[in-house]
C-alpha atoms as a PDB file:
ATOM      1  CA  MET A   1      78.237  86.894  86.997  1.00  0.00           C
ATOM      2  CA  THR A   2      75.912  89.843  86.622  1.00  0.00           C
ATOM      3  CA  SER A   3      74.053  90.287  83.392  1.00  0.00           C
ATOM      4  CA  GLN A   4      74.527  93.927  82.344  1.00  0.00           C
ATOM      5  CA  SER A   5      74.174  93.008  78.680  1.00  0.00           C
ATOM      6  CA  LYS A   6      75.536  96.127  76.996  1.00  0.00           C
ATOM      7  CA  PRO A   7      79.294  96.849  77.018  1.00  0.00           C
ATOM      8  CA  LEU A   8      80.210 100.348  78.194  1.00  0.00           C
ATOM      9  CA  GLY A   9      82.910 100.978  75.584  1.00  0.00           C
ATOM     10  CA  GLY A  10      86.182  99.261  74.802  1.00  0.00           C
ATOM     11  CA  HIS A  11      86.177  96.277  72.443  1.00  0.00           C
ATOM     12  CA  ASP A  12      85.988  92.487  72.439  1.00  0.00           C
ATOM     13  CA  GLY A  13      89.526  91.935  71.132  1.00  0.00           C
ATOM     14  CA  PRO A  14      91.758  90.670  69.902  1.00  0.00           C
ATOM     15  CA  TYR A  15      93.891  92.714  72.266  1.00  0.00           C
ATOM     16  CA  PRO A  16      97.375  94.026  71.458  1.00  0.00           C
ATOM     17  CA  VAL A  17     100.146  91.808  72.822  1.00  0.00           C
ATOM     18  CA  PRO A  18     101.051  93.588  75.090  1.00  0.00           C
ATOM     19  CA  VAL A  19      98.618  96.526  75.289  1.00  0.00           C
ATOM     20  CA  GLU A  20     100.596  99.778  74.953  1.00  0.00           C
ATOM     21  CA  ILE A  21      99.330 102.956  76.578  1.00  0.00           C
ATOM     22  CA  THR A  22     101.032 106.180  75.464  1.00  0.00           C
ATOM     23  CA  GLY A  23     100.757 109.903  76.080  1.00  0.00           C
ATOM     24  CA  PHE A  24     102.395 110.346  79.482  1.00  0.00           C
ATOM     25  CA  THR A  25     105.159 112.834  80.289  1.00  0.00           C
ATOM     26  CA  VAL A  26     106.839 113.243  83.678  1.00  0.00           C
ATOM     27  CA  GLN A  27     105.492 116.478  85.164  1.00  0.00           C
ATOM     28  CA  PRO A  28     107.611 119.042  87.075  1.00  0.00           C
ATOM     29  CA  ASP A  29     105.603 118.570  90.295  1.00  0.00           C
ATOM     30  CA  TRP A  30     106.377 114.814  90.222  1.00  0.00           C
ATOM     31  CA  ILE A  31     110.106 115.522  90.771  1.00  0.00           C
ATOM     32  CA  ASP A  32     111.593 115.260  94.270  1.00  0.00           C
ATOM     33  CA  TYR A  33     114.710 116.696  95.902  1.00  0.00           C
ATOM     34  CA  ASN A  34     116.834 113.917  94.352  1.00  0.00           C
ATOM     35  CA  GLY A  35     116.063 115.328  90.896  1.00  0.00           C
ATOM     36  CA  HIS A  36     113.982 112.371  89.692  1.00  0.00           C
ATOM     37  CA  MET A  37     110.345 111.268  89.878  1.00  0.00           C
ATOM     38  CA  ASN A  38     109.221 110.781  93.472  1.00  0.00           C
ATOM     39  CA  VAL A  39     108.341 107.212  94.452  1.00  0.00           C
ATOM     40  CA  GLY A  40     104.675 108.099  95.063  1.00  0.00           C
ATOM     41  CA  TYR A  41     104.170 109.339  91.519  1.00  0.00           C
ATOM     42  CA  TYR A  42     105.172 105.965  90.069  1.00  0.00           C
ATOM     43  CA  GLY A  43     102.000 104.565  91.625  1.00  0.00           C
ATOM     44  CA  VAL A  44      99.984 107.538  90.361  1.00  0.00           C
ATOM     45  CA  VAL A  45     101.131 107.242  86.755  1.00  0.00           C
ATOM     46  CA  PHE A  46     100.769 103.435  86.711  1.00  0.00           C
ATOM     47  CA  ASP A  47      97.193 103.968  87.951  1.00  0.00           C
ATOM     48  CA  LEU A  48      96.470 106.586  85.270  1.00  0.00           C
ATOM     49  CA  ALA A  49      97.764 104.210  82.588  1.00  0.00           C
ATOM     50  CA  PHE A  50      95.744 101.301  84.051  1.00  0.00           C
ATOM     51  CA  GLU A  51      92.585 103.429  83.881  1.00  0.00           C
ATOM     52  CA  ARG A  52      93.226 103.999  80.154  1.00  0.00           C
ATOM     53  CA  LEU A  53      93.593 100.222  79.675  1.00  0.00           C
ATOM     54  CA  LEU A  54      90.308  99.652  81.514  1.00  0.00           C
ATOM     55  CA  VAL A  55      88.345 102.312  79.627  1.00  0.00           C
ATOM     56  CA  ASP A  56      89.846 102.118  76.129  1.00  0.00           C
ATOM     57  CA  HIS A  57      90.125  98.342  75.833  1.00  0.00           C
ATOM     58  CA  LEU A  58      87.790  96.718  78.366  1.00  0.00           C
ATOM     59  CA  GLY A  59      84.965  99.244  78.833  1.00  0.00           C
ATOM     60  CA  LEU A  60      85.496  99.280  82.607  1.00  0.00           C
ATOM     61  CA  GLY A  61      86.784 101.883  85.088  1.00  0.00           C
ATOM     62  CA  GLU A  62      85.036 105.236  85.354  1.00  0.00           C
ATOM     63  CA  PRO A  63      82.235 104.457  82.834  1.00  0.00           C
ATOM     64  CA  GLN A  64      81.540 101.235  84.754  1.00  0.00           C
ATOM     65  CA  VAL A  65      81.224 103.136  88.040  1.00  0.00           C
ATOM     66  CA  ALA A  66      78.900 105.725  86.479  1.00  0.00           C
ATOM     67  CA  ALA A  67      76.637 103.147  84.784  1.00  0.00           C
ATOM     68  CA  LEU A  68      76.711 100.220  87.207  1.00  0.00           C
ATOM     69  CA  GLY A  69      77.829 101.579  90.590  1.00  0.00           C
ATOM     70  CA  GLN A  70      80.791  99.173  90.691  1.00  0.00           C
ATOM     71  CA  GLY A  71      84.426  99.399  89.739  1.00  0.00           C
ATOM     72  CA  PRO A  72      87.947  98.054  90.070  1.00  0.00           C
ATOM     73  CA  TYR A  73      89.834  98.375  93.349  1.00  0.00           C
ATOM     74  CA  ILE A  74      93.529  97.536  93.558  1.00  0.00           C
ATOM     75  CA  LEU A  75      94.017  94.942  96.313  1.00  0.00           C
ATOM     76  CA  GLN A  76      97.772  94.490  96.086  1.00  0.00           C
ATOM     77  CA  SER A  77     100.551  96.145  94.121  1.00  0.00           C
ATOM     78  CA  HIS A  78     104.269  95.468  93.865  1.00  0.00           C
ATOM     79  CA  LEU A  79     106.541  98.025  92.192  1.00  0.00           C
ATOM     80  CA  HIS A  80     110.095  97.476  90.986  1.00  0.00           C
ATOM     81  CA  PHE A  81     112.175 100.608  90.378  1.00  0.00           C
ATOM     82  CA  LEU A  82     114.748  99.856  87.691  1.00  0.00           C
ATOM     83  CA  ARG A  83     115.923 103.260  86.425  1.00  0.00           C
ATOM     84  CA  GLU A  84     115.446 106.881  87.423  1.00  0.00           C
ATOM     85  CA  VAL A  85     112.813 108.840  85.525  1.00  0.00           C
ATOM     86  CA  ARG A  86     113.434 112.541  84.912  1.00  0.00           C
ATOM     87  CA  GLU A  87     111.266 115.602  84.330  1.00  0.00           C
ATOM     88  CA  GLY A  88     109.912 115.854  80.794  1.00  0.00           C
ATOM     89  CA  GLU A  89     110.592 112.201  79.959  1.00  0.00           C
ATOM     90  CA  ALA A  90     107.905 110.607  77.774  1.00  0.00           C
ATOM     91  CA  LEU A  91     106.614 107.258  79.045  1.00  0.00           C
ATOM     92  CA  VAL A  92     104.898 104.267  77.470  1.00  0.00           C
ATOM     93  CA  PHE A  93     103.162 101.561  79.492  1.00  0.00           C
ATOM     94  CA  ARG A  94     102.981  97.932  78.402  1.00  0.00           C
ATOM     95  CA  PHE A  95     100.258  95.854  80.059  1.00  0.00           C
ATOM     96  CA  ARG A  96      99.701  92.130  80.081  1.00  0.00           C
ATOM     97  CA  MET A  97      96.782  90.439  81.800  1.00  0.00           C
ATOM     98  CA  LEU A  98      98.136  87.417  83.649  1.00  0.00           C
ATOM     99  CA  ASP A  99      94.912  85.979  85.065  1.00  0.00           C
ATOM    100  CA  ALA A 100      91.267  86.829  85.688  1.00  0.00           C
ATOM    101  CA  ASP A 101      88.111  85.301  87.081  1.00  0.00           C
ATOM    102  CA  HIS A 102      84.523  86.534  87.510  1.00  0.00           C
ATOM    103  CA  LYS A 103      85.556  89.185  90.100  1.00  0.00           C
ATOM    104  CA  ARG A 104      89.321  89.714  89.903  1.00  0.00           C
ATOM    105  CA  GLY A 105      92.192  90.428  87.569  1.00  0.00           C
ATOM    106  CA  HIS A 106      95.968  90.096  87.868  1.00  0.00           C
ATOM    107  CA  TYR A 107      98.172  92.199  85.602  1.00  0.00           C
ATOM    108  CA  PHE A 108     101.796  93.080  85.008  1.00  0.00           C
ATOM    109  CA  ALA A 109     102.862  96.432  83.553  1.00  0.00           C
ATOM    110  CA  GLN A 110     106.129  97.970  82.445  1.00  0.00           C
ATOM    111  CA  MET A 111     106.893 101.709  82.472  1.00  0.00           C
ATOM    112  CA  VAL A 112     109.147 102.271  79.481  1.00  0.00           C
ATOM    113  CA  SER A 113     111.081 105.347  78.381  1.00  0.00           C
ATOM    114  CA  ALA A 114     109.608 106.371  75.027  1.00  0.00           C
ATOM    115  CA  GLU A 115     113.092 107.375  73.889  1.00  0.00           C
ATOM    116  CA  GLY A 116     115.290 104.308  73.852  1.00  0.00           C
ATOM    117  CA  GLY A 117     112.761 101.771  75.137  1.00  0.00           C
ATOM    118  CA  THR A 118     114.421 101.167  78.516  1.00  0.00           C
ATOM    119  CA  VAL A 119     112.161  99.630  81.155  1.00  0.00           C
ATOM    120  CA  CYS A 120     112.207 102.097  84.061  1.00  0.00           C
ATOM    121  CA  ALA A 121     109.804 100.391  86.463  1.00  0.00           C
ATOM    122  CA  THR A 122     107.322  97.550  86.670  1.00  0.00           C
ATOM    123  CA  GLN A 123     104.090  96.990  88.546  1.00  0.00           C
ATOM    124  CA  GLU A 124     102.334  93.727  89.279  1.00  0.00           C
ATOM    125  CA  ALA A 125      98.854  94.156  90.727  1.00  0.00           C
ATOM    126  CA  LEU A 126      95.711  92.334  91.720  1.00  0.00           C
ATOM    127  CA  PHE A 127      92.375  94.126  91.325  1.00  0.00           C
ATOM    128  CA  MET A 128      88.790  93.281  92.254  1.00  0.00           C
ATOM    129  CA  ASN A 129      85.396  94.487  91.096  1.00  0.00           C
ATOM    130  CA  VAL A 130      83.651  96.174  94.049  1.00  0.00           C
ATOM    131  CA  SER A 131      80.077  97.397  94.493  1.00  0.00           C
ATOM    132  CA  HIS A 132      79.919 101.034  95.573  1.00  0.00           C
ATOM    133  CA  THR A 133      76.612 100.265  97.322  1.00  0.00           C
ATOM    134  CA  THR A 134      77.786  97.388  99.510  1.00  0.00           C
ATOM    135  CA  GLY A 135      81.553  97.925  99.550  1.00  0.00           C
ATOM    136  CA  ARG A 136      81.938  94.212  98.803  1.00  0.00           C
ATOM    137  CA  SER A 137      83.200  92.293  95.814  1.00  0.00           C
ATOM    138  CA  GLU A 138      80.772  91.784  92.958  1.00  0.00           C
ATOM    139  CA  SER A 139      80.932  89.702  89.811  1.00  0.00           C
ATOM    140  CA  TYR A 140      81.676  91.493  86.574  1.00  0.00           C
ATOM    141  CA  PRO A 141      78.955  91.655  83.932  1.00  0.00           C
ATOM    142  CA  ASP A 142      79.230  88.685  81.562  1.00  0.00           C
ATOM    143  CA  TRP A 143      80.660  90.801  78.739  1.00  0.00           C
ATOM    144  CA  ALA A 144      83.402  92.206  81.014  1.00  0.00           C
ATOM    145  CA  ALA A 145      84.391  88.770  82.353  1.00  0.00           C
ATOM    146  CA  ALA A 146      84.577  87.509  78.755  1.00  0.00           C
ATOM    147  CA  ARG A 147      86.810  90.434  77.754  1.00  0.00           C
ATOM    148  CA  LEU A 148      89.151  89.862  80.689  1.00  0.00           C
ATOM    149  CA  ALA A 149      89.366  86.149  79.817  1.00  0.00           C
ATOM    150  CA  ARG A 150      90.087  87.033  76.177  1.00  0.00           C
ATOM    151  CA  MET A 151      92.867  89.428  77.212  1.00  0.00           C
ATOM    152  CA  VAL A 152      94.406  86.723  79.443  1.00  0.00           C
ATOM    153  CA  ALA A 153      94.304  84.291  76.507  1.00  0.00           C
ATOM    154  CA  ASP A 154      95.734  86.852  74.061  1.00  0.00           C
ATOM    155  CA  HIS A 155      98.618  87.597  76.462  1.00  0.00           C
ATOM    156  CA  ALA A 156      99.341  83.983  77.457  1.00  0.00           C
ATOM    157  CA  GLY A 157     102.205  83.624  74.959  1.00  0.00           C
ATOM    158  CA  LEU A 158     104.223  86.602  76.222  1.00  0.00           C
ATOM    159  CA  GLU A 159     107.651  85.792  77.637  1.00  0.00           C
ATOM    160  CA  PRO A 160     107.473  85.978  81.463  1.00  0.00           C
ATOM    161  CA  ALA A 161     109.163  89.063  82.896  1.00  0.00           C
ATOM    162  CA  PRO A 162     111.677  88.403  85.701  1.00  0.00           C
ATOM    163  CA  GLN A 163     109.796  90.692  88.118  1.00  0.00           C
ATOM    164  CA  ILE A 164     106.520  88.699  88.006  1.00  0.00           C
ATOM    165  CA  GLY A 165     105.832  86.956  91.303  1.00  0.00           C
ATOM    166  CA  GLN A 166     109.021  88.131  93.004  1.00  0.00           C
ATOM    167  CA  PRO A 167     108.977  88.300  96.796  1.00  0.00           C
ATOM    168  CA  ILE A 168     110.185  91.339  98.662  1.00  0.00           C
ATOM    169  CA  GLY A 169     112.999  91.059 101.192  1.00  0.00           C
ATOM    170  CA  ILE A 170     116.698  91.519 101.800  1.00  0.00           C
ATOM    171  CA  ARG A 171     118.666  89.097  99.667  1.00  0.00           C
ATOM    172  CA  ARG A 172     121.550  87.525 101.553  1.00  0.00           C
ATOM    173  CA  SER A 173     124.351  85.505 100.017  1.00  0.00           C
END
């Protein structure tokens, strides 16, 4: 692990179980010809919420790139679309960190309608810390790896969601 000794923001925990990220509303330009949020914008808004988790709780993301020249890259993402999302709908995101090591993290997130609490979509993703100089993976600073490990531990008791680890394919009976 690298030894950047000073955290760049965020906090050392304990972390909310799960972490809730609020303040998102479905924008008019996110709506497609079917009258609901276009599939591409699900990825966009999950990413915006993930950035808030990184910055506000872990001290990573954009401040990390500016200070250290490294940052998180999503390596794999799996979305489940469970309910249509309409223009003007307020959204809340619930994040749980499933696993982490010195370079990577694995999270699960739910997009929830702020009114009624219905889960509209989920995302499971794997991310890696990458050097902007080399374009290769790089260990997190010690403080960041410790925070990720703490978040994994804090979230370990959450009930597993049915979408975690699900394969993609046509189900046949």
